[in-house]
Amino acid sequence: MTPDEKHMLEEMAELAKENNKILRSMQRAIWWGRFFGFLKWTVIIGLTLGSFYYIQPYLAAILKIYGNLGGSVPNTNDLEQALRALGSDKIQVLLKNISP
């Protein structure tokens, strides 16, 4: 083996060690990125479910009130029939009394 060949072989061994070090560093960075990505989504989903669990009684009460309110408000057909029963002349009198 000539001195040039020996020098080239040592240089290639040194480059291989440096490449190995860089590749291990990249693998470690990828692993930590995946770990923190998983942790981030776990926290997001956990907070979403936890907040829903915490707010659920309030939502149930609001939905119950909304359901009760829907039954007490007349629908448009009933309102239309009531206005027709009043007659157009009575509606105009009511509107004149309301306007300033």
C-alpha atoms as a PDB file:
ATOM      1  CA  MET A   1       0.000   0.000   0.000  1.00  0.00           C
ATOM      2  CA  THR A   2       1.458   3.317  -1.035  1.00  0.00           C
ATOM      3  CA  PRO A   3       1.468   6.339   1.269  1.00  0.00           C
ATOM      4  CA  ASP A   4      -1.138   8.079  -0.950  1.00  0.00           C
ATOM      5  CA  GLU A   5      -3.474   5.105  -0.730  1.00  0.00           C
ATOM      6  CA  LYS A   6      -2.986   4.912   3.023  1.00  0.00           C
ATOM      7  CA  HIS A   7      -3.695   8.647   3.368  1.00  0.00           C
ATOM      8  CA  MET A   8      -6.841   8.332   1.212  1.00  0.00           C
ATOM      9  CA  LEU A   9      -8.028   5.326   3.250  1.00  0.00           C
ATOM     10  CA  GLU A  10      -7.542   7.192   6.530  1.00  0.00           C
ATOM     11  CA  GLU A  11      -9.330  10.222   5.097  1.00  0.00           C
ATOM     12  CA  MET A  12     -12.267   8.047   3.961  1.00  0.00           C
ATOM     13  CA  ALA A  13     -12.422   6.424   7.418  1.00  0.00           C
ATOM     14  CA  GLU A  14     -12.504   9.859   9.016  1.00  0.00           C
ATOM     15  CA  LEU A  15     -15.270  11.005   6.628  1.00  0.00           C
ATOM     16  CA  ALA A  16     -17.257   7.829   7.343  1.00  0.00           C
ATOM     17  CA  LYS A  17     -17.039   8.506  11.105  1.00  0.00           C
ATOM     18  CA  GLU A  18     -18.142  12.111  10.572  1.00  0.00           C
ATOM     19  CA  ASN A  19     -21.048  10.989   8.352  1.00  0.00           C
ATOM     20  CA  ASN A  20     -22.069   8.429  10.956  1.00  0.00           C
ATOM     21  CA  LYS A  21     -22.052  11.132  13.638  1.00  0.00           C
ATOM     22  CA  ILE A  22     -24.199  13.430  11.458  1.00  0.00           C
ATOM     23  CA  LEU A  23     -26.644  10.626  10.615  1.00  0.00           C
ATOM     24  CA  ARG A  24     -27.055   9.684  14.272  1.00  0.00           C
ATOM     25  CA  SER A  25     -27.700  13.331  15.087  1.00  0.00           C
ATOM     26  CA  MET A  26     -30.363  13.501  12.361  1.00  0.00           C
ATOM     27  CA  GLN A  27     -31.992  10.289  13.606  1.00  0.00           C
ATOM     28  CA  ARG A  28     -32.062  11.646  17.144  1.00  0.00           C
ATOM     29  CA  ALA A  29     -33.646  14.901  15.943  1.00  0.00           C
ATOM     30  CA  ILE A  30     -36.308  12.950  14.010  1.00  0.00           C
ATOM     31  CA  TRP A  31     -37.058  10.804  17.069  1.00  0.00           C
ATOM     32  CA  TRP A  32     -37.461  13.835  19.335  1.00  0.00           C
ATOM     33  CA  GLY A  33     -39.611  15.554  16.699  1.00  0.00           C
ATOM     34  CA  ARG A  34     -41.950  12.573  16.552  1.00  0.00           C
ATOM     35  CA  PHE A  35     -42.046  12.327  20.343  1.00  0.00           C
ATOM     36  CA  PHE A  36     -42.954  15.996  20.799  1.00  0.00           C
ATOM     37  CA  GLY A  37     -45.448  15.846  17.922  1.00  0.00           C
ATOM     38  CA  PHE A  38     -47.189  12.917  19.603  1.00  0.00           C
ATOM     39  CA  LEU A  39     -47.063  14.743  22.943  1.00  0.00           C
ATOM     40  CA  LYS A  40     -48.515  17.901  21.359  1.00  0.00           C
ATOM     41  CA  TRP A  41     -51.478  16.042  19.840  1.00  0.00           C
ATOM     42  CA  THR A  42     -52.037  14.115  23.057  1.00  0.00           C
ATOM     43  CA  VAL A  43     -52.278  17.413  24.959  1.00  0.00           C
ATOM     44  CA  ILE A  44     -54.583  18.974  22.334  1.00  0.00           C
ATOM     45  CA  ILE A  45     -56.962  16.008  22.303  1.00  0.00           C
ATOM     46  CA  GLY A  46     -56.826  15.680  26.090  1.00  0.00           C
ATOM     47  CA  LEU A  47     -57.640  19.352  26.618  1.00  0.00           C
ATOM     48  CA  THR A  48     -60.478  19.149  24.109  1.00  0.00           C
ATOM     49  CA  LEU A  49     -62.054  16.144  25.796  1.00  0.00           C
ATOM     50  CA  GLY A  50     -61.420  17.554  29.270  1.00  0.00           C
ATOM     51  CA  SER A  51     -62.974  20.907  28.426  1.00  0.00           C
ATOM     52  CA  PHE A  52     -65.997  19.185  26.903  1.00  0.00           C
ATOM     53  CA  TYR A  53     -66.355  17.092  30.070  1.00  0.00           C
ATOM     54  CA  TYR A  54     -66.131  20.257  32.166  1.00  0.00           C
ATOM     55  CA  ILE A  55     -68.542  22.308  30.005  1.00  0.00           C
ATOM     56  CA  GLN A  56     -71.006  19.475  29.249  1.00  0.00           C
ATOM     57  CA  PRO A  57     -73.400  20.204  32.180  1.00  0.00           C
ATOM     58  CA  TYR A  58     -73.667  23.852  31.099  1.00  0.00           C
ATOM     59  CA  LEU A  59     -74.269  22.821  27.481  1.00  0.00           C
ATOM     60  CA  ALA A  60     -76.966  20.383  28.569  1.00  0.00           C
ATOM     61  CA  ALA A  61     -78.717  23.158  30.522  1.00  0.00           C
ATOM     62  CA  ILE A  62     -78.536  25.543  27.570  1.00  0.00           C
ATOM     63  CA  LEU A  63     -79.906  22.912  25.199  1.00  0.00           C
ATOM     64  CA  LYS A  64     -82.737  22.168  27.610  1.00  0.00           C
ATOM     65  CA  ILE A  65     -83.643  25.867  27.796  1.00  0.00           C
ATOM     66  CA  TYR A  66     -83.477  26.112  24.005  1.00  0.00           C
ATOM     67  CA  GLY A  67     -85.763  23.093  23.665  1.00  0.00           C
ATOM     68  CA  ASN A  68     -88.294  24.583  26.068  1.00  0.00           C
ATOM     69  CA  LEU A  69     -88.113  27.932  24.300  1.00  0.00           C
ATOM     70  CA  GLY A  70     -88.852  26.317  20.931  1.00  0.00           C
ATOM     71  CA  GLY A  71     -92.158  24.984  22.210  1.00  0.00           C
ATOM     72  CA  SER A  72     -93.351  28.347  23.552  1.00  0.00           C
ATOM     73  CA  VAL A  73     -92.673  30.418  20.407  1.00  0.00           C
ATOM     74  CA  PRO A  74     -95.458  30.146  17.824  1.00  0.00           C
ATOM     75  CA  ASN A  75     -94.448  28.994  14.387  1.00  0.00           C
ATOM     76  CA  THR A  76     -94.911  31.163  11.293  1.00  0.00           C
ATOM     77  CA  ASN A  77     -98.125  29.444  10.177  1.00  0.00           C
ATOM     78  CA  ASP A  78     -99.852  30.257  13.471  1.00  0.00           C
ATOM     79  CA  LEU A  79     -98.646  33.853  13.277  1.00  0.00           C
ATOM     80  CA  GLU A  80     -99.885  34.208   9.694  1.00  0.00           C
ATOM     81  CA  GLN A  81    -103.313  32.844  10.641  1.00  0.00           C
ATOM     82  CA  ALA A  82    -103.518  35.220  13.598  1.00  0.00           C
ATOM     83  CA  LEU A  83    -102.693  38.223  11.402  1.00  0.00           C
ATOM     84  CA  ARG A  84    -105.315  37.210   8.830  1.00  0.00           C
ATOM     85  CA  ALA A  85    -107.895  36.884  11.587  1.00  0.00           C
ATOM     86  CA  LEU A  86    -107.189  40.443  12.702  1.00  0.00           C
ATOM     87  CA  GLY A  87    -107.798  41.858   9.236  1.00  0.00           C
ATOM     88  CA  SER A  88    -105.765  44.422   7.369  1.00  0.00           C
ATOM     89  CA  ASP A  89    -107.644  47.453   8.739  1.00  0.00           C
ATOM     90  CA  LYS A  90    -106.996  46.477  12.344  1.00  0.00           C
ATOM     91  CA  ILE A  91    -103.294  45.901  11.573  1.00  0.00           C
ATOM     92  CA  GLN A  92    -103.006  49.397  10.088  1.00  0.00           C
ATOM     93  CA  VAL A  93    -104.620  50.887  13.199  1.00  0.00           C
ATOM     94  CA  LEU A  94    -102.169  48.985  15.395  1.00  0.00           C
ATOM     95  CA  LEU A  95     -99.250  50.198  13.291  1.00  0.00           C
ATOM     96  CA  LYS A  96    -100.426  53.826  13.493  1.00  0.00           C
ATOM     97  CA  ASN A  97    -100.638  53.566  17.257  1.00  0.00           C
ATOM     98  CA  ILE A  98     -97.123  52.152  17.456  1.00  0.00           C
ATOM     99  CA  SER A  99     -95.409  54.665  15.180  1.00  0.00           C
ATOM    100  CA  PRO A 100     -94.230  57.904  16.879  1.00  0.00           C
END
